[in-house]
Amino acid sequence: MSKLTPRERTTSRFAGLFFASGCVLAIALQATIGLYFTRHYFVAHFLLGLFLPFLFYSMGGMRLTFWTGMALTAMWHFGYELWEDQFDRPGYTPDWDQIVSGAVGLGAAWVTYRAWNRHLDTGARQSKTAPHSSP
């Protein structure tokens, strides 16, 4: 991969920190209220949808790496919930709360991505139009 631009480096750092904070949050919730195999399991699906795309985004800070992360997270989440999770069940019974919470998490990841890029675009526009002081 070629050298990253300053914007991509900043974005990559932000995405890595955001993913790490999501991991800390998930561990804290698991240690306190419990997520897996409890009635709060849907929260784990939301956190997966929200934070996992940013792991991929942190690998390059580019639009392509974010959308790759979104696609892989969606395929993994929906593939597991709608297909693989059904192998150990006598009938087809999807967990709609987990499916919807993962989809809401993916939506929240997209909103976070848009907000971050809008913030960077606004900052870049302001720095270009700011008056320069002359010596």
N, C-alpha and C. Protein backbone atom coordinates (compact mmCIF):
# COMPACT_ATOMS: atom_id res chain seq x y z
N MET A 1 0.84 -1.16 0.00
CA MET A 1 0.00 0.00 0.00
C MET A 1 0.89 1.24 0.00
N SER A 2 0.46 2.25 -0.69
CA SER A 2 1.26 3.47 -0.77
C SER A 2 1.23 4.22 0.55
N LYS A 3 2.05 5.25 0.63
CA LYS A 3 2.08 6.07 1.85
C LYS A 3 0.72 6.71 2.08
N LEU A 4 0.35 6.82 3.35
CA LEU A 4 -0.93 7.43 3.69
C LEU A 4 -0.78 8.95 3.75
N THR A 5 -1.83 9.63 3.33
CA THR A 5 -1.86 11.09 3.44
C THR A 5 -2.07 11.46 4.91
N PRO A 6 -1.84 12.72 5.28
CA PRO A 6 -2.09 13.11 6.67
C PRO A 6 -3.54 12.86 7.11
N ARG A 7 -4.48 13.11 6.22
CA ARG A 7 -5.89 12.84 6.54
C ARG A 7 -6.11 11.35 6.78
N GLU A 8 -5.54 10.50 5.95
CA GLU A 8 -5.71 9.05 6.12
C GLU A 8 -5.05 8.57 7.41
N ARG A 9 -3.89 9.14 7.76
CA ARG A 9 -3.23 8.78 9.02
C ARG A 9 -4.09 9.18 10.22
N THR A 10 -4.64 10.39 10.17
CA THR A 10 -5.51 10.85 11.25
C THR A 10 -6.75 9.96 11.36
N THR A 11 -7.34 9.68 10.23
CA THR A 11 -8.53 8.83 10.21
C THR A 11 -8.20 7.42 10.69
N SER A 12 -7.08 6.91 10.28
CA SER A 12 -6.67 5.58 10.71
C SER A 12 -6.49 5.52 12.22
N ARG A 13 -5.87 6.55 12.79
CA ARG A 13 -5.71 6.62 14.25
C ARG A 13 -7.06 6.71 14.95
N PHE A 14 -7.94 7.58 14.44
CA PHE A 14 -9.27 7.73 15.01
C PHE A 14 -10.02 6.39 14.97
N ALA A 15 -9.98 5.73 13.85
CA ALA A 15 -10.71 4.47 13.71
C ALA A 15 -10.14 3.41 14.65
N GLY A 16 -8.84 3.36 14.80
CA GLY A 16 -8.24 2.40 15.72
C GLY A 16 -8.61 2.67 17.16
N LEU A 17 -8.60 3.95 17.55
CA LEU A 17 -9.01 4.32 18.91
C LEU A 17 -10.49 4.05 19.14
N PHE A 18 -11.30 4.31 18.13
CA PHE A 18 -12.73 4.05 18.24
C PHE A 18 -13.00 2.56 18.40
N PHE A 19 -12.32 1.74 17.62
CA PHE A 19 -12.47 0.28 17.74
C PHE A 19 -11.99 -0.19 19.12
N ALA A 20 -10.86 0.32 19.57
CA ALA A 20 -10.33 -0.07 20.89
C ALA A 20 -11.29 0.33 22.00
N SER A 21 -11.89 1.51 21.90
CA SER A 21 -12.87 1.92 22.92
C SER A 21 -14.09 1.01 22.89
N GLY A 22 -14.47 0.55 21.71
CA GLY A 22 -15.58 -0.41 21.62
C GLY A 22 -15.24 -1.73 22.28
N CYS A 23 -14.01 -2.17 22.13
CA CYS A 23 -13.57 -3.40 22.79
C CYS A 23 -13.59 -3.26 24.30
N VAL A 24 -13.12 -2.11 24.79
CA VAL A 24 -13.13 -1.85 26.23
C VAL A 24 -14.57 -1.82 26.75
N LEU A 25 -15.45 -1.17 26.01
CA LEU A 25 -16.86 -1.11 26.40
C LEU A 25 -17.48 -2.50 26.44
N ALA A 26 -17.22 -3.31 25.43
CA ALA A 26 -17.78 -4.67 25.39
C ALA A 26 -17.24 -5.52 26.54
N ILE A 27 -15.96 -5.39 26.84
CA ILE A 27 -15.37 -6.16 27.96
C ILE A 27 -15.97 -5.69 29.28
N ALA A 28 -16.13 -4.39 29.44
CA ALA A 28 -16.71 -3.86 30.68
C ALA A 28 -18.16 -4.34 30.85
N LEU A 29 -18.93 -4.32 29.78
CA LEU A 29 -20.31 -4.80 29.86
C LEU A 29 -20.37 -6.30 30.14
N GLN A 30 -19.48 -7.05 29.51
CA GLN A 30 -19.45 -8.49 29.75
C GLN A 30 -19.08 -8.79 31.21
N ALA A 31 -18.17 -8.02 31.76
CA ALA A 31 -17.73 -8.25 33.14
C ALA A 31 -18.77 -7.80 34.16
N THR A 32 -19.62 -6.85 33.80
CA THR A 32 -20.58 -6.33 34.78
C THR A 32 -21.96 -6.97 34.62
N ILE A 33 -22.64 -6.70 33.52
CA ILE A 33 -24.00 -7.23 33.36
C ILE A 33 -24.04 -8.53 32.57
N GLY A 34 -22.96 -8.82 31.86
CA GLY A 34 -22.93 -10.01 31.02
C GLY A 34 -23.67 -9.76 29.72
N LEU A 35 -23.08 -10.19 28.63
CA LEU A 35 -23.71 -10.03 27.32
C LEU A 35 -24.02 -11.39 26.70
N TYR A 36 -23.03 -12.23 26.64
CA TYR A 36 -23.20 -13.51 25.96
C TYR A 36 -24.04 -14.46 26.79
N PHE A 37 -24.99 -15.09 26.12
CA PHE A 37 -25.88 -16.08 26.71
C PHE A 37 -26.74 -15.49 27.83
N THR A 38 -27.08 -14.21 27.70
CA THR A 38 -28.00 -13.55 28.63
C THR A 38 -29.07 -12.86 27.81
N ARG A 39 -30.01 -12.22 28.49
CA ARG A 39 -31.04 -11.49 27.74
C ARG A 39 -30.50 -10.20 27.14
N HIS A 40 -29.26 -9.84 27.48
CA HIS A 40 -28.62 -8.64 26.93
C HIS A 40 -27.77 -8.96 25.70
N TYR A 41 -27.92 -10.14 25.13
CA TYR A 41 -27.07 -10.57 24.02
C TYR A 41 -27.21 -9.66 22.80
N PHE A 42 -28.38 -9.06 22.62
CA PHE A 42 -28.58 -8.17 21.48
C PHE A 42 -27.63 -6.98 21.53
N VAL A 43 -27.21 -6.56 22.72
CA VAL A 43 -26.25 -5.44 22.85
C VAL A 43 -24.92 -5.81 22.20
N ALA A 44 -24.52 -7.06 22.36
CA ALA A 44 -23.27 -7.51 21.73
C ALA A 44 -23.36 -7.40 20.21
N HIS A 45 -24.51 -7.69 19.64
CA HIS A 45 -24.69 -7.58 18.19
C HIS A 45 -24.66 -6.11 17.75
N PHE A 46 -25.24 -5.23 18.54
CA PHE A 46 -25.17 -3.81 18.24
C PHE A 46 -23.72 -3.32 18.27
N LEU A 47 -22.99 -3.71 19.31
CA LEU A 47 -21.59 -3.27 19.43
C LEU A 47 -20.73 -3.83 18.31
N LEU A 48 -21.00 -5.06 17.91
CA LEU A 48 -20.29 -5.66 16.78
C LEU A 48 -20.53 -4.84 15.51
N GLY A 49 -21.79 -4.51 15.24
CA GLY A 49 -22.11 -3.73 14.05
C GLY A 49 -21.54 -2.33 14.08
N LEU A 50 -21.47 -1.75 15.27
CA LEU A 50 -20.97 -0.38 15.41
C LEU A 50 -19.46 -0.30 15.30
N PHE A 51 -18.74 -1.19 15.97
CA PHE A 51 -17.29 -1.02 16.11
C PHE A 51 -16.44 -1.83 15.13
N LEU A 52 -16.89 -3.00 14.69
CA LEU A 52 -16.04 -3.84 13.84
C LEU A 52 -15.66 -3.20 12.51
N PRO A 53 -16.54 -2.47 11.82
CA PRO A 53 -16.09 -1.82 10.58
C PRO A 53 -14.90 -0.88 10.77
N PHE A 54 -14.77 -0.32 11.97
CA PHE A 54 -13.68 0.61 12.23
C PHE A 54 -12.34 -0.09 12.41
N LEU A 55 -12.36 -1.38 12.68
CA LEU A 55 -11.11 -2.13 12.67
C LEU A 55 -10.52 -2.13 11.26
N PHE A 56 -11.35 -2.37 10.29
CA PHE A 56 -10.91 -2.35 8.89
C PHE A 56 -10.55 -0.93 8.45
N TYR A 57 -11.35 0.03 8.88
CA TYR A 57 -11.09 1.43 8.54
C TYR A 57 -9.74 1.88 9.08
N SER A 58 -9.35 1.35 10.22
CA SER A 58 -8.06 1.72 10.81
C SER A 58 -6.88 1.17 10.02
N MET A 59 -7.13 0.25 9.14
CA MET A 59 -6.05 -0.36 8.35
C MET A 59 -5.62 0.50 7.18
N GLY A 60 -6.34 1.57 6.90
CA GLY A 60 -5.93 2.40 5.78
C GLY A 60 -6.49 3.80 5.83
N GLY A 61 -7.55 3.99 6.61
CA GLY A 61 -8.16 5.31 6.72
C GLY A 61 -8.79 5.80 5.44
N MET A 62 -9.09 4.89 4.53
CA MET A 62 -9.66 5.27 3.24
C MET A 62 -11.11 4.79 3.15
N ARG A 63 -11.84 5.39 2.25
CA ARG A 63 -13.24 5.00 2.02
C ARG A 63 -13.34 3.52 1.70
N LEU A 64 -12.41 3.00 0.90
CA LEU A 64 -12.44 1.59 0.52
C LEU A 64 -12.31 0.67 1.73
N THR A 65 -11.43 1.00 2.66
CA THR A 65 -11.26 0.13 3.82
C THR A 65 -12.48 0.18 4.73
N PHE A 66 -13.14 1.34 4.83
CA PHE A 66 -14.36 1.40 5.63
C PHE A 66 -15.45 0.55 5.01
N TRP A 67 -15.68 0.71 3.72
CA TRP A 67 -16.76 -0.05 3.07
C TRP A 67 -16.45 -1.54 3.01
N THR A 68 -15.18 -1.89 2.94
CA THR A 68 -14.80 -3.30 3.04
C THR A 68 -15.18 -3.84 4.42
N GLY A 69 -14.88 -3.05 5.45
CA GLY A 69 -15.25 -3.43 6.81
C GLY A 69 -16.75 -3.55 6.99
N MET A 70 -17.50 -2.62 6.42
CA MET A 70 -18.97 -2.69 6.50
C MET A 70 -19.48 -3.96 5.82
N ALA A 71 -18.96 -4.25 4.63
CA ALA A 71 -19.43 -5.42 3.89
C ALA A 71 -19.08 -6.72 4.62
N LEU A 72 -17.86 -6.82 5.10
CA LEU A 72 -17.45 -8.04 5.80
C LEU A 72 -18.19 -8.21 7.12
N THR A 73 -18.41 -7.12 7.84
CA THR A 73 -19.17 -7.19 9.09
C THR A 73 -20.61 -7.61 8.81
N ALA A 74 -21.22 -7.02 7.80
CA ALA A 74 -22.60 -7.38 7.45
C ALA A 74 -22.69 -8.84 7.01
N MET A 75 -21.75 -9.29 6.18
CA MET A 75 -21.79 -10.69 5.73
C MET A 75 -21.61 -11.64 6.91
N TRP A 76 -20.70 -11.31 7.81
CA TRP A 76 -20.47 -12.18 8.96
C TRP A 76 -21.68 -12.18 9.88
N HIS A 77 -22.20 -11.00 10.20
CA HIS A 77 -23.32 -10.91 11.13
C HIS A 77 -24.57 -11.57 10.55
N PHE A 78 -24.99 -11.14 9.38
CA PHE A 78 -26.22 -11.67 8.81
C PHE A 78 -26.07 -13.11 8.36
N GLY A 79 -24.89 -13.47 7.87
CA GLY A 79 -24.65 -14.86 7.51
C GLY A 79 -24.74 -15.78 8.70
N TYR A 80 -24.18 -15.35 9.82
CA TYR A 80 -24.26 -16.16 11.02
C TYR A 80 -25.69 -16.25 11.53
N GLU A 81 -26.36 -15.12 11.65
CA GLU A 81 -27.70 -15.10 12.24
C GLU A 81 -28.74 -15.78 11.37
N LEU A 82 -28.66 -15.61 10.07
CA LEU A 82 -29.69 -16.14 9.19
C LEU A 82 -29.39 -17.54 8.65
N TRP A 83 -28.15 -18.00 8.80
CA TRP A 83 -27.82 -19.29 8.22
C TRP A 83 -27.12 -20.20 9.23
N GLU A 84 -25.92 -19.86 9.66
CA GLU A 84 -25.12 -20.76 10.48
C GLU A 84 -25.74 -21.00 11.86
N ASP A 85 -26.33 -19.99 12.45
CA ASP A 85 -26.95 -20.13 13.76
C ASP A 85 -28.11 -21.12 13.73
N GLN A 86 -28.63 -21.39 12.56
CA GLN A 86 -29.80 -22.28 12.42
C GLN A 86 -29.43 -23.76 12.42
N PHE A 87 -28.15 -24.08 12.27
CA PHE A 87 -27.74 -25.48 12.18
C PHE A 87 -28.06 -26.29 13.42
N ASP A 88 -28.03 -25.66 14.59
CA ASP A 88 -28.27 -26.41 15.82
C ASP A 88 -29.71 -26.25 16.33
N ARG A 89 -30.60 -25.82 15.48
CA ARG A 89 -32.00 -25.64 15.86
C ARG A 89 -32.88 -26.62 15.10
N PRO A 90 -33.94 -27.08 15.73
CA PRO A 90 -34.82 -28.03 15.04
C PRO A 90 -35.62 -27.39 13.91
N GLY A 91 -35.93 -26.11 14.02
CA GLY A 91 -36.66 -25.40 12.96
C GLY A 91 -36.01 -24.06 12.71
N TYR A 92 -36.41 -23.42 11.64
CA TYR A 92 -35.84 -22.12 11.29
C TYR A 92 -36.50 -21.05 12.14
N THR A 93 -35.76 -20.53 13.10
CA THR A 93 -36.27 -19.49 14.01
C THR A 93 -35.20 -18.41 14.19
N PRO A 94 -35.20 -17.41 13.33
CA PRO A 94 -34.19 -16.34 13.47
C PRO A 94 -34.43 -15.52 14.72
N ASP A 95 -33.34 -15.02 15.30
CA ASP A 95 -33.39 -14.13 16.46
C ASP A 95 -33.49 -12.69 15.95
N TRP A 96 -34.71 -12.21 15.79
CA TRP A 96 -34.90 -10.90 15.17
C TRP A 96 -34.33 -9.76 15.99
N ASP A 97 -34.32 -9.90 17.32
CA ASP A 97 -33.75 -8.83 18.13
C ASP A 97 -32.26 -8.69 17.85
N GLN A 98 -31.57 -9.79 17.67
CA GLN A 98 -30.13 -9.75 17.38
C GLN A 98 -29.87 -9.29 15.95
N ILE A 99 -30.71 -9.70 15.03
CA ILE A 99 -30.54 -9.29 13.63
C ILE A 99 -30.75 -7.78 13.50
N VAL A 100 -31.82 -7.28 14.11
CA VAL A 100 -32.13 -5.85 14.03
C VAL A 100 -31.08 -5.03 14.78
N SER A 101 -30.64 -5.50 15.95
CA SER A 101 -29.65 -4.71 16.70
C SER A 101 -28.32 -4.65 15.95
N GLY A 102 -27.94 -5.71 15.25
CA GLY A 102 -26.74 -5.67 14.42
C GLY A 102 -26.89 -4.70 13.26
N ALA A 103 -28.09 -4.68 12.66
CA ALA A 103 -28.35 -3.75 11.56
C ALA A 103 -28.33 -2.30 12.06
N VAL A 104 -28.89 -2.06 13.25
CA VAL A 104 -28.85 -0.72 13.83
C VAL A 104 -27.41 -0.32 14.14
N GLY A 105 -26.61 -1.27 14.61
CA GLY A 105 -25.19 -1.00 14.85
C GLY A 105 -24.46 -0.63 13.58
N LEU A 106 -24.75 -1.33 12.49
CA LEU A 106 -24.14 -0.99 11.20
C LEU A 106 -24.58 0.41 10.75
N GLY A 107 -25.84 0.73 10.97
CA GLY A 107 -26.32 2.07 10.66
C GLY A 107 -25.61 3.13 11.49
N ALA A 108 -25.40 2.84 12.77
CA ALA A 108 -24.68 3.77 13.65
C ALA A 108 -23.22 3.92 13.20
N ALA A 109 -22.62 2.84 12.69
CA ALA A 109 -21.25 2.93 12.18
C ALA A 109 -21.21 3.85 10.97
N TRP A 110 -22.20 3.75 10.10
CA TRP A 110 -22.24 4.62 8.92
C TRP A 110 -22.41 6.08 9.34
N VAL A 111 -23.29 6.34 10.33
CA VAL A 111 -23.50 7.71 10.82
C VAL A 111 -22.20 8.26 11.42
N THR A 112 -21.50 7.44 12.19
CA THR A 112 -20.22 7.86 12.77
C THR A 112 -19.21 8.17 11.68
N TYR A 113 -19.14 7.32 10.67
CA TYR A 113 -18.23 7.52 9.53
C TYR A 113 -18.55 8.84 8.82
N ARG A 114 -19.83 9.09 8.56
CA ARG A 114 -20.23 10.32 7.88
C ARG A 114 -19.90 11.56 8.72
N ALA A 115 -20.17 11.46 10.03
CA ALA A 115 -19.89 12.60 10.91
C ALA A 115 -18.41 12.91 10.96
N TRP A 116 -17.58 11.88 11.04
CA TRP A 116 -16.13 12.09 11.08
C TRP A 116 -15.64 12.72 9.78
N ASN A 117 -16.09 12.22 8.66
CA ASN A 117 -15.64 12.78 7.38
C ASN A 117 -16.19 14.18 7.15
N ARG A 118 -17.39 14.44 7.60
CA ARG A 118 -17.94 15.79 7.49
C ARG A 118 -17.13 16.76 8.35
N HIS A 119 -16.73 16.30 9.53
CA HIS A 119 -15.89 17.12 10.41
C HIS A 119 -14.54 17.42 9.74
N LEU A 120 -13.93 16.42 9.14
CA LEU A 120 -12.65 16.64 8.46
C LEU A 120 -12.80 17.55 7.25
N ASP A 121 -13.90 17.39 6.49
CA ASP A 121 -14.13 18.24 5.32
C ASP A 121 -14.34 19.69 5.74
N THR A 122 -15.09 19.90 6.82
CA THR A 122 -15.32 21.26 7.32
C THR A 122 -14.01 21.89 7.78
N GLY A 123 -13.21 21.12 8.50
CA GLY A 123 -11.91 21.62 8.96
C GLY A 123 -10.99 21.96 7.81
N ALA A 124 -10.99 21.14 6.76
CA ALA A 124 -10.14 21.41 5.60
C ALA A 124 -10.62 22.66 4.87
N ARG A 125 -11.93 22.83 4.75
CA ARG A 125 -12.47 24.01 4.08
C ARG A 125 -12.14 25.28 4.85
N GLN A 126 -12.25 25.21 6.18
CA GLN A 126 -11.95 26.39 6.99
C GLN A 126 -10.47 26.76 6.93
N SER A 127 -9.60 25.78 6.88
CA SER A 127 -8.16 26.08 6.83
C SER A 127 -7.77 26.68 5.48
N LYS A 128 -8.49 26.33 4.42
CA LYS A 128 -8.19 26.90 3.11
C LYS A 128 -8.69 28.33 3.00
N THR A 129 -9.81 28.65 3.66
CA THR A 129 -10.38 29.98 3.54
C THR A 129 -9.92 30.93 4.64
N ALA A 130 -9.20 30.43 5.63
CA ALA A 130 -8.74 31.28 6.72
C ALA A 130 -7.69 32.27 6.20
N PRO A 131 -7.77 33.50 6.65
CA PRO A 131 -6.78 34.49 6.20
C PRO A 131 -5.41 34.16 6.77
N HIS A 132 -4.40 34.33 5.94
CA HIS A 132 -3.03 34.07 6.36
C HIS A 132 -2.40 35.38 6.82
N SER A 133 -1.73 35.32 7.94
CA SER A 133 -1.07 36.54 8.41
C SER A 133 0.24 36.72 7.66
N SER A 134 0.51 37.93 7.27
CA SER A 134 1.75 38.21 6.56
C SER A 134 2.79 38.77 7.52
N PRO A 135 4.07 38.44 7.31
CA PRO A 135 5.11 38.90 8.24
C PRO A 135 5.40 40.36 8.14
